[in-house]
PDB file of N, CA and C in Angstrom:
ATOM      1  N   MET A   1      51.518 159.953 112.001  1.00  0.00           N
ATOM      2  CA  MET A   1      51.564 159.316 110.684  1.00  0.00           C
ATOM      3  C   MET A   1      53.007 159.201 110.308  1.00  0.00           C
ATOM      4  N   ILE A   2      53.380 158.168 109.618  1.00  0.00           N
ATOM      5  CA  ILE A   2      54.662 158.028 109.105  1.00  0.00           C
ATOM      6  C   ILE A   2      54.684 158.592 107.630  1.00  0.00           C
ATOM      7  N   THR A   3      55.798 159.197 107.352  1.00  0.00           N
ATOM      8  CA  THR A   3      55.937 159.860 106.023  1.00  0.00           C
ATOM      9  C   THR A   3      56.922 159.068 105.159  1.00  0.00           C
ATOM     10  N   TYR A   4      56.546 158.939 103.885  1.00  0.00           N
ATOM     11  CA  TYR A   4      57.419 158.229 102.880  1.00  0.00           C
ATOM     12  C   TYR A   4      57.602 159.238 101.730  1.00  0.00           C
ATOM     13  N   ASN A   5      58.767 159.326 101.224  1.00  0.00           N
ATOM     14  CA  ASN A   5      59.091 160.104 100.052  1.00  0.00           C
ATOM     15  C   ASN A   5      59.347 159.159  98.873  1.00  0.00           C
ATOM     16  N   ILE A   6      58.757 159.515  97.778  1.00  0.00           N
ATOM     17  CA  ILE A   6      58.953 158.676  96.578  1.00  0.00           C
ATOM     18  C   ILE A   6      59.315 159.532  95.406  1.00  0.00           C
ATOM     19  N   SER A   7      59.961 158.989  94.471  1.00  0.00           N
ATOM     20  CA  SER A   7      60.267 159.712  93.212  1.00  0.00           C
ATOM     21  C   SER A   7      59.533 159.092  92.073  1.00  0.00           C
ATOM     22  N   LEU A   8      58.976 159.939  91.243  1.00  0.00           N
ATOM     23  CA  LEU A   8      58.216 159.482  90.101  1.00  0.00           C
ATOM     24  C   LEU A   8      58.752 160.114  88.786  1.00  0.00           C
ATOM     25  N   ASN A   9      58.689 159.308  87.733  1.00  0.00           N
ATOM     26  CA  ASN A   9      59.098 159.990  86.465  1.00  0.00           C
ATOM     27  C   ASN A   9      58.014 160.949  86.031  1.00  0.00           C
ATOM     28  N   LYS A  10      58.310 161.669  85.030  1.00  0.00           N
ATOM     29  CA  LYS A  10      57.420 162.732  84.582  1.00  0.00           C
ATOM     30  C   LYS A  10      56.049 162.245  84.201  1.00  0.00           C
ATOM     31  N   GLU A  11      55.938 161.116  83.515  1.00  0.00           N
ATOM     32  CA  GLU A  11      54.707 160.572  83.023  1.00  0.00           C
ATOM     33  C   GLU A  11      53.820 160.125  84.259  1.00  0.00           C
ATOM     34  N   LEU A  12      54.447 159.451  85.177  1.00  0.00           N
ATOM     35  CA  LEU A  12      53.580 159.022  86.369  1.00  0.00           C
ATOM     36  C   LEU A  12      53.158 160.243  87.171  1.00  0.00           C
ATOM     37  N   ALA A  13      54.037 161.204  87.306  1.00  0.00           N
ATOM     38  CA  ALA A  13      53.632 162.455  88.049  1.00  0.00           C
ATOM     39  C   ALA A  13      52.522 163.153  87.387  1.00  0.00           C
ATOM     40  N   GLN A  14      52.493 163.198  86.048  1.00  0.00           N
ATOM     41  CA  GLN A  14      51.326 163.803  85.339  1.00  0.00           C
ATOM     42  C   GLN A  14      50.039 163.028  85.533  1.00  0.00           C
ATOM     43  N   ILE A  15      50.175 161.703  85.591  1.00  0.00           N
ATOM     44  CA  ILE A  15      48.955 160.953  85.879  1.00  0.00           C
ATOM     45  C   ILE A  15      48.388 161.242  87.239  1.00  0.00           C
ATOM     46  N   VAL A  16      49.269 161.271  88.206  1.00  0.00           N
ATOM     47  CA  VAL A  16      48.874 161.605  89.595  1.00  0.00           C
ATOM     48  C   VAL A  16      48.197 162.984  89.647  1.00  0.00           C
ATOM     49  N   GLU A  17      48.805 163.985  89.051  1.00  0.00           N
ATOM     50  CA  GLU A  17      48.243 165.300  89.112  1.00  0.00           C
ATOM     51  C   GLU A  17      46.886 165.367  88.418  1.00  0.00           C
ATOM     52  N   LYS A  18      46.778 164.654  87.275  1.00  0.00           N
ATOM     53  CA  LYS A  18      45.541 164.625  86.568  1.00  0.00           C
ATOM     54  C   LYS A  18      44.389 164.004  87.386  1.00  0.00           C
ATOM     55  N   LYS A  19      44.764 162.903  88.095  1.00  0.00           N
ATOM     56  CA  LYS A  19      43.645 162.251  88.845  1.00  0.00           C
ATOM     57  C   LYS A  19      43.272 163.160  90.117  1.00  0.00           C
ATOM     58  N   ILE A  20      44.216 163.806  90.628  1.00  0.00           N
ATOM     59  CA  ILE A  20      43.956 164.654  91.767  1.00  0.00           C
ATOM     60  C   ILE A  20      43.068 165.856  91.339  1.00  0.00           C
ATOM     61  N   LYS A  21      43.383 166.448  90.213  1.00  0.00           N
ATOM     62  CA  LYS A  21      42.633 167.529  89.622  1.00  0.00           C
ATOM     63  C   LYS A  21      41.240 167.130  89.152  1.00  0.00           C
ATOM     64  N   SER A  22      41.047 165.900  88.838  1.00  0.00           N
ATOM     65  CA  SER A  22      39.735 165.461  88.367  1.00  0.00           C
ATOM     66  C   SER A  22      38.684 165.476  89.547  1.00  0.00           C
ATOM     67  N   GLY A  23      39.216 165.749  90.708  1.00  0.00           N
ATOM     68  CA  GLY A  23      38.268 165.934  91.908  1.00  0.00           C
ATOM     69  C   GLY A  23      38.072 164.610  92.669  1.00  0.00           C
ATOM     70  N   LYS A  24      38.833 163.561  92.424  1.00  0.00           N
ATOM     71  CA  LYS A  24      38.539 162.361  93.146  1.00  0.00           C
ATOM     72  C   LYS A  24      39.377 162.262  94.418  1.00  0.00           C
ATOM     73  N   PHE A  25      40.390 163.110  94.574  1.00  0.00           N
ATOM     74  CA  PHE A  25      41.225 163.008  95.730  1.00  0.00           C
ATOM     75  C   PHE A  25      41.562 164.392  96.234  1.00  0.00           C
ATOM     76  N   ALA A  26      41.610 164.516  97.481  1.00  0.00           N
ATOM     77  CA  ALA A  26      41.864 165.891  98.154  1.00  0.00           C
ATOM     78  C   ALA A  26      43.318 166.305  97.930  1.00  0.00           C
ATOM     79  N   ASN A  27      44.211 165.349  97.842  1.00  0.00           N
ATOM     80  CA  ASN A  27      45.653 165.653  97.695  1.00  0.00           C
ATOM     81  C   ASN A  27      46.455 164.422  97.284  1.00  0.00           C
ATOM     82  N   ARG A  28      47.703 164.581  97.085  1.00  0.00           N
ATOM     83  CA  ARG A  28      48.527 163.421  96.693  1.00  0.00           C
ATOM     84  C   ARG A  28      48.549 162.295  97.773  1.00  0.00           C
ATOM     85  N   SER A  29      48.554 162.658  98.997  1.00  0.00           N
ATOM     86  CA  SER A  29      48.545 161.643 100.030  1.00  0.00           C
ATOM     87  C   SER A  29      47.342 160.742  99.914  1.00  0.00           C
ATOM     88  N   GLU A  30      46.188 161.394  99.787  1.00  0.00           N
ATOM     89  CA  GLU A  30      44.915 160.617  99.585  1.00  0.00           C
ATOM     90  C   GLU A  30      45.008 159.680  98.403  1.00  0.00           C
ATOM     91  N   PHE A  31      45.570 160.160  97.348  1.00  0.00           N
ATOM     92  CA  PHE A  31      45.679 159.385  96.085  1.00  0.00           C
ATOM     93  C   PHE A  31      46.474 158.111  96.397  1.00  0.00           C
ATOM     94  N   PHE A  32      47.681 158.314  97.041  1.00  0.00           N
ATOM     95  CA  PHE A  32      48.550 157.152  97.264  1.00  0.00           C
ATOM     96  C   PHE A  32      47.969 156.264  98.350  1.00  0.00           C
ATOM     97  N   ARG A  33      47.364 156.831  99.367  1.00  0.00           N
ATOM     98  CA  ARG A  33      46.712 155.919 100.359  1.00  0.00           C
ATOM     99  C   ARG A  33      45.638 155.048  99.770  1.00  0.00           C
ATOM    100  N   GLN A  34      44.879 155.621  98.870  1.00  0.00           N
ATOM    101  CA  GLN A  34      43.792 154.774  98.241  1.00  0.00           C
ATOM    102  C   GLN A  34      44.399 153.696  97.368  1.00  0.00           C
ATOM    103  N   ILE A  35      45.489 154.044  96.649  1.00  0.00           N
ATOM    104  CA  ILE A  35      46.182 152.987  95.878  1.00  0.00           C
ATOM    105  C   ILE A  35      46.642 151.855  96.800  1.00  0.00           C
ATOM    106  N   LEU A  36      47.228 152.203  97.880  1.00  0.00           N
ATOM    107  CA  LEU A  36      47.753 151.166  98.825  1.00  0.00           C
ATOM    108  C   LEU A  36      46.580 150.344  99.404  1.00  0.00           C
ATOM    109  N   ARG A  37      45.508 151.049  99.752  1.00  0.00           N
ATOM    110  CA  ARG A  37      44.315 150.326 100.319  1.00  0.00           C
ATOM    111  C   ARG A  37      43.852 149.279  99.221  1.00  0.00           C
ATOM    112  N   SER A  38      43.696 149.772  97.981  1.00  0.00           N
ATOM    113  CA  SER A  38      43.237 148.914  96.925  1.00  0.00           C
ATOM    114  C   SER A  38      44.129 147.687  96.710  1.00  0.00           C
ATOM    115  N   MET A  39      45.388 147.950  96.735  1.00  0.00           N
ATOM    116  CA  MET A  39      46.361 146.880  96.512  1.00  0.00           C
ATOM    117  C   MET A  39      46.465 145.896  97.626  1.00  0.00           C
ATOM    118  N   PHE A  40      46.518 146.314  98.870  1.00  0.00           N
ATOM    119  CA  PHE A  40      46.723 145.467  99.962  1.00  0.00           C
ATOM    120  C   PHE A  40      45.517 145.011 100.736  1.00  0.00           C
ATOM    121  N   LEU A  41      44.646 145.935 101.031  1.00  0.00           N
ATOM    122  CA  LEU A  41      43.475 145.555 101.861  1.00  0.00           C
ATOM    123  C   LEU A  41      42.497 144.702 101.012  1.00  0.00           C
ATOM    124  N   SER A  42      42.283 145.062  99.815  1.00  0.00           N
ATOM    125  CA  SER A  42      41.342 144.271  99.009  1.00  0.00           C
ATOM    126  C   SER A  42      41.954 142.947  98.582  1.00  0.00           C
ATOM    127  N   GLU A  43      43.180 142.862  98.464  1.00  0.00           N
ATOM    128  CA  GLU A  43      43.877 141.564  98.051  1.00  0.00           C
ATOM    129  C   GLU A  43      43.770 140.580  99.192  1.00  0.00           C
ATOM    130  N   LYS A  44      43.916 141.025 100.435  1.00  0.00           N
ATOM    131  CA  LYS A  44      43.949 140.100 101.553  1.00  0.00           C
ATOM    132  C   LYS A  44      42.626 139.268 101.594  1.00  0.00           C
ATOM    133  N   ALA A  45      41.501 139.907 101.455  1.00  0.00           N
ATOM    134  CA  ALA A  45      40.282 139.168 101.626  1.00  0.00           C
ATOM    135  C   ALA A  45      39.590 138.873 100.287  1.00  0.00           C
ATOM    136  N   GLY A  46      40.225 139.369  99.216  1.00  0.00           N
ATOM    137  CA  GLY A  46      39.654 139.141  97.864  1.00  0.00           C
ATOM    138  C   GLY A  46      38.652 140.171  97.473  1.00  0.00           C
ATOM    139  N   ASN A  47      38.352 141.169  98.333  1.00  0.00           N
ATOM    140  CA  ASN A  47      37.426 142.240  97.963  1.00  0.00           C
ATOM    141  C   ASN A  47      37.788 143.532  98.683  1.00  0.00           C
ATOM    142  N   ILE A  48      37.193 144.558  98.111  1.00  0.00           N
ATOM    143  CA  ILE A  48      37.566 145.906  98.646  1.00  0.00           C
ATOM    144  C   ILE A  48      36.802 146.269  99.965  1.00  0.00           C
ATOM    145  N   GLU A  49      35.815 145.455 100.295  1.00  0.00           N
ATOM    146  CA  GLU A  49      35.029 145.729 101.529  1.00  0.00           C
ATOM    147  C   GLU A  49      35.811 145.811 102.807  1.00  0.00           C
ATOM    148  N   ASN A  50      37.069 145.315 102.819  1.00  0.00           N
ATOM    149  CA  ASN A  50      37.855 145.459 104.036  1.00  0.00           C
ATOM    150  C   ASN A  50      38.439 146.835 104.261  1.00  0.00           C
ATOM    151  N   ASP A  51      38.339 147.733 103.215  1.00  0.00           N
ATOM    152  CA  ASP A  51      38.799 149.083 103.320  1.00  0.00           C
ATOM    153  C   ASP A  51      37.724 149.919 104.175  1.00  0.00           C
ATOM    154  N   PHE A  52      38.244 150.560 105.204  1.00  0.00           N
ATOM    155  CA  PHE A  52      37.251 151.278 106.045  1.00  0.00           C
ATOM    156  C   PHE A  52      36.546 152.330 105.297  1.00  0.00           C
ATOM    157  N   ILE A  53      37.058 152.831 104.187  1.00  0.00           N
ATOM    158  CA  ILE A  53      36.354 153.840 103.411  1.00  0.00           C
ATOM    159  C   ILE A  53      34.970 153.303 102.957  1.00  0.00           C
ATOM    160  N   TYR A  54      34.955 152.005 102.635  1.00  0.00           N
ATOM    161  CA  TYR A  54      33.739 151.418 102.081  1.00  0.00           C
ATOM    162  C   TYR A  54      32.885 150.848 103.177  1.00  0.00           C
ATOM    163  N   SER A  55      33.232 151.026 104.523  1.00  0.00           N
ATOM    164  CA  SER A  55      32.396 150.567 105.607  1.00  0.00           C
ATOM    165  C   SER A  55      31.601 151.731 106.130  1.00  0.00           C
ATOM    166  N   GLU A  56      30.498 151.346 106.776  1.00  0.00           N
ATOM    167  CA  GLU A  56      29.645 152.330 107.398  1.00  0.00           C
ATOM    168  C   GLU A  56      30.327 152.859 108.641  1.00  0.00           C
ATOM    169  N   PRO A  57      30.149 154.076 109.064  1.00  0.00           N
ATOM    170  CA  PRO A  57      29.396 155.149 108.418  1.00  0.00           C
ATOM    171  C   PRO A  57      30.112 155.882 107.344  1.00  0.00           C
ATOM    172  N   HIS A  58      31.375 155.481 107.076  1.00  0.00           N
ATOM    173  CA  HIS A  58      32.183 156.302 106.100  1.00  0.00           C
ATOM    174  C   HIS A  58      31.630 156.321 104.718  1.00  0.00           C
ATOM    175  N   TYR A  59      31.203 155.211 104.203  1.00  0.00           N
ATOM    176  CA  TYR A  59      30.759 155.091 102.854  1.00  0.00           C
ATOM    177  C   TYR A  59      29.532 155.972 102.616  1.00  0.00           C
ATOM    178  N   SER A  60      28.582 155.910 103.494  1.00  0.00           N
ATOM    179  CA  SER A  60      27.353 156.709 103.351  1.00  0.00           C
ATOM    180  C   SER A  60      27.663 158.201 103.428  1.00  0.00           C
ATOM    181  N   GLU A  61      28.638 158.593 104.275  1.00  0.00           N
ATOM    182  CA  GLU A  61      28.985 160.015 104.385  1.00  0.00           C
ATOM    183  C   GLU A  61      29.674 160.480 103.092  1.00  0.00           C
ATOM    184  N   LEU A  62      30.602 159.630 102.606  1.00  0.00           N
ATOM    185  CA  LEU A  62      31.218 160.009 101.303  1.00  0.00           C
ATOM    186  C   LEU A  62      30.247 160.149 100.229  1.00  0.00           C
ATOM    187  N   ARG A  63      29.340 159.212 100.108  1.00  0.00           N
ATOM    188  CA  ARG A  63      28.303 159.264  99.006  1.00  0.00           C
ATOM    189  C   ARG A  63      27.470 160.545  99.168  1.00  0.00           C
ATOM    190  N   LYS A  64      27.150 160.892 100.445  1.00  0.00           N
ATOM    191  CA  LYS A  64      26.333 162.115 100.674  1.00  0.00           C
ATOM    192  C   LYS A  64      27.127 163.383 100.264  1.00  0.00           C
ATOM    193  N   ARG A  65      28.425 163.384 100.614  1.00  0.00           N
ATOM    194  CA  ARG A  65      29.229 164.563 100.272  1.00  0.00           C
ATOM    195  C   ARG A  65      29.399 164.705  98.694  1.00  0.00           C
ATOM    196  N   ILE A  66      29.626 163.587  98.037  1.00  0.00           N
ATOM    197  CA  ILE A  66      29.727 163.571  96.590  1.00  0.00           C
ATOM    198  C   ILE A  66      28.424 164.130  95.932  1.00  0.00           C
ATOM    199  N   LYS A  67      27.294 163.651  96.427  1.00  0.00           N
ATOM    200  CA  LYS A  67      25.968 164.078  95.941  1.00  0.00           C
ATOM    201  C   LYS A  67      25.871 165.641  96.160  1.00  0.00           C
ATOM    202  N   ASN A  68      26.208 166.102  97.322  1.00  0.00           N
ATOM    203  CA  ASN A  68      26.091 167.498  97.616  1.00  0.00           C
ATOM    204  C   ASN A  68      27.036 168.387  96.744  1.00  0.00           C
ATOM    205  N   LEU A  69      28.201 167.844  96.427  1.00  0.00           N
ATOM    206  CA  LEU A  69      29.141 168.526  95.514  1.00  0.00           C
ATOM    207  C   LEU A  69      28.558 168.600  94.161  1.00  0.00           C
ATOM    208  N   LYS A  70      27.981 167.438  93.676  1.00  0.00           N
ATOM    209  CA  LYS A  70      27.442 167.425  92.311  1.00  0.00           C
ATOM    210  C   LYS A  70      26.246 168.304  92.134  1.00  0.00           C
ATOM    211  N   THR A  71      25.427 168.405  93.180  1.00  0.00           N
ATOM    212  CA  THR A  71      24.216 169.250  93.136  1.00  0.00           C
ATOM    213  C   THR A  71      24.426 170.677  93.467  1.00  0.00           C
ATOM    214  N   GLY A  72      25.727 171.057  93.888  1.00  0.00           N
ATOM    215  CA  GLY A  72      26.037 172.416  94.169  1.00  0.00           C
ATOM    216  C   GLY A  72      25.691 172.885  95.599  1.00  0.00           C
ATOM    217  N   LYS A  73      25.248 171.945  96.443  1.00  0.00           N
ATOM    218  CA  LYS A  73      24.912 172.254  97.841  1.00  0.00           C
ATOM    219  C   LYS A  73      26.222 172.498  98.652  1.00  0.00           C
ATOM    220  N   GLU A  74      27.349 171.964  98.174  1.00  0.00           N
ATOM    221  CA  GLU A  74      28.610 172.114  98.841  1.00  0.00           C
ATOM    222  C   GLU A  74      29.639 172.427  97.752  1.00  0.00           C
ATOM    223  N   LYS A  75      30.756 173.043  98.134  1.00  0.00           N
ATOM    224  CA  LYS A  75      31.788 173.296  97.178  1.00  0.00           C
ATOM    225  C   LYS A  75      33.143 173.000  97.794  1.00  0.00           C
ATOM    226  N   ILE A  76      34.126 172.745  97.006  1.00  0.00           N
ATOM    227  CA  ILE A  76      35.483 172.515  97.469  1.00  0.00           C
ATOM    228  C   ILE A  76      36.202 173.810  97.336  1.00  0.00           C
ATOM    229  N   VAL A  77      36.902 174.206  98.411  1.00  0.00           N
ATOM    230  CA  VAL A  77      37.753 175.445  98.383  1.00  0.00           C
ATOM    231  C   VAL A  77      39.112 175.067  98.816  1.00  0.00           C
ATOM    232  N   ASN A  78      40.022 175.923  98.345  1.00  0.00           N
ATOM    233  CA  ASN A  78      41.440 175.688  98.804  1.00  0.00           C
ATOM    234  C   ASN A  78      41.616 176.331 100.152  1.00  0.00           C
ATOM    235  N   SER A  79      42.716 176.056 100.752  1.00  0.00           N
ATOM    236  CA  SER A  79      43.001 176.523 102.238  1.00  0.00           C
ATOM    237  C   SER A  79      42.973 178.042 102.261  1.00  0.00           C
ATOM    238  N   LYS A  80      43.368 178.814 101.239  1.00  0.00           N
ATOM    239  CA  LYS A  80      43.414 180.254 101.259  1.00  0.00           C
ATOM    240  C   LYS A  80      41.964 180.737 101.309  1.00  0.00           C
ATOM    241  N   GLU A  81      41.069 180.188 100.491  1.00  0.00           N
ATOM    242  CA  GLU A  81      39.698 180.587 100.506  1.00  0.00           C
ATOM    243  C   GLU A  81      39.023 180.241 101.793  1.00  0.00           C
ATOM    244  N   PHE A  82      39.306 179.094 102.336  1.00  0.00           N
ATOM    245  CA  PHE A  82      38.783 178.636 103.653  1.00  0.00           C
ATOM    246  C   PHE A  82      39.094 179.623 104.705  1.00  0.00           C
ATOM    247  N   ASP A  83      40.443 179.917 104.835  1.00  0.00           N
ATOM    248  CA  ASP A  83      40.876 180.922 105.857  1.00  0.00           C
ATOM    249  C   ASP A  83      40.267 182.295 105.661  1.00  0.00           C
ATOM    250  N   LYS A  84      40.071 182.749 104.457  1.00  0.00           N
ATOM    251  CA  LYS A  84      39.450 184.018 104.204  1.00  0.00           C
ATOM    252  C   LYS A  84      37.993 183.968 104.578  1.00  0.00           C
ATOM    253  N   GLU A  85      37.324 182.892 104.255  1.00  0.00           N
ATOM    254  CA  GLU A  85      35.862 182.796 104.630  1.00  0.00           C
ATOM    255  C   GLU A  85      35.620 182.835 106.086  1.00  0.00           C
ATOM    256  N   PHE A  86      36.547 182.158 106.859  1.00  0.00           N
ATOM    257  CA  PHE A  86      36.372 182.037 108.297  1.00  0.00           C
ATOM    258  C   PHE A  86      37.255 182.970 109.051  1.00  0.00           C
ATOM    259  N   ASN A  87      37.844 183.980 108.401  1.00  0.00           N
ATOM    260  CA  ASN A  87      38.690 184.967 109.081  1.00  0.00           C
ATOM    261  C   ASN A  87      39.816 184.318 109.881  1.00  0.00           C
ATOM    262  N   LEU A  88      40.480 183.364 109.351  1.00  0.00           N
ATOM    263  CA  LEU A  88      41.575 182.687 110.115  1.00  0.00           C
ATOM    264  C   LEU A  88      42.921 183.292 109.761  1.00  0.00           C
TER     265      LEU A  88
END
């Protein structure tokens, strides 16, 4: 993967952090990748269906995971908790 570094003013950085914490994105990279997908992939064909996230089997799997999170069947843990749980 190619890495890009960007600088944000305080207000934009706060928005990014708020959106990440709201549970919609795993990390900053996912947040920015989704913005780029929305801007460029959906614009090319006039709809968001060209984004692989919304294509099968990805979309069904994402919906299933979100449902499991909302019903408590799965939970999100940070890397420290994951390592501890699996003795890594």
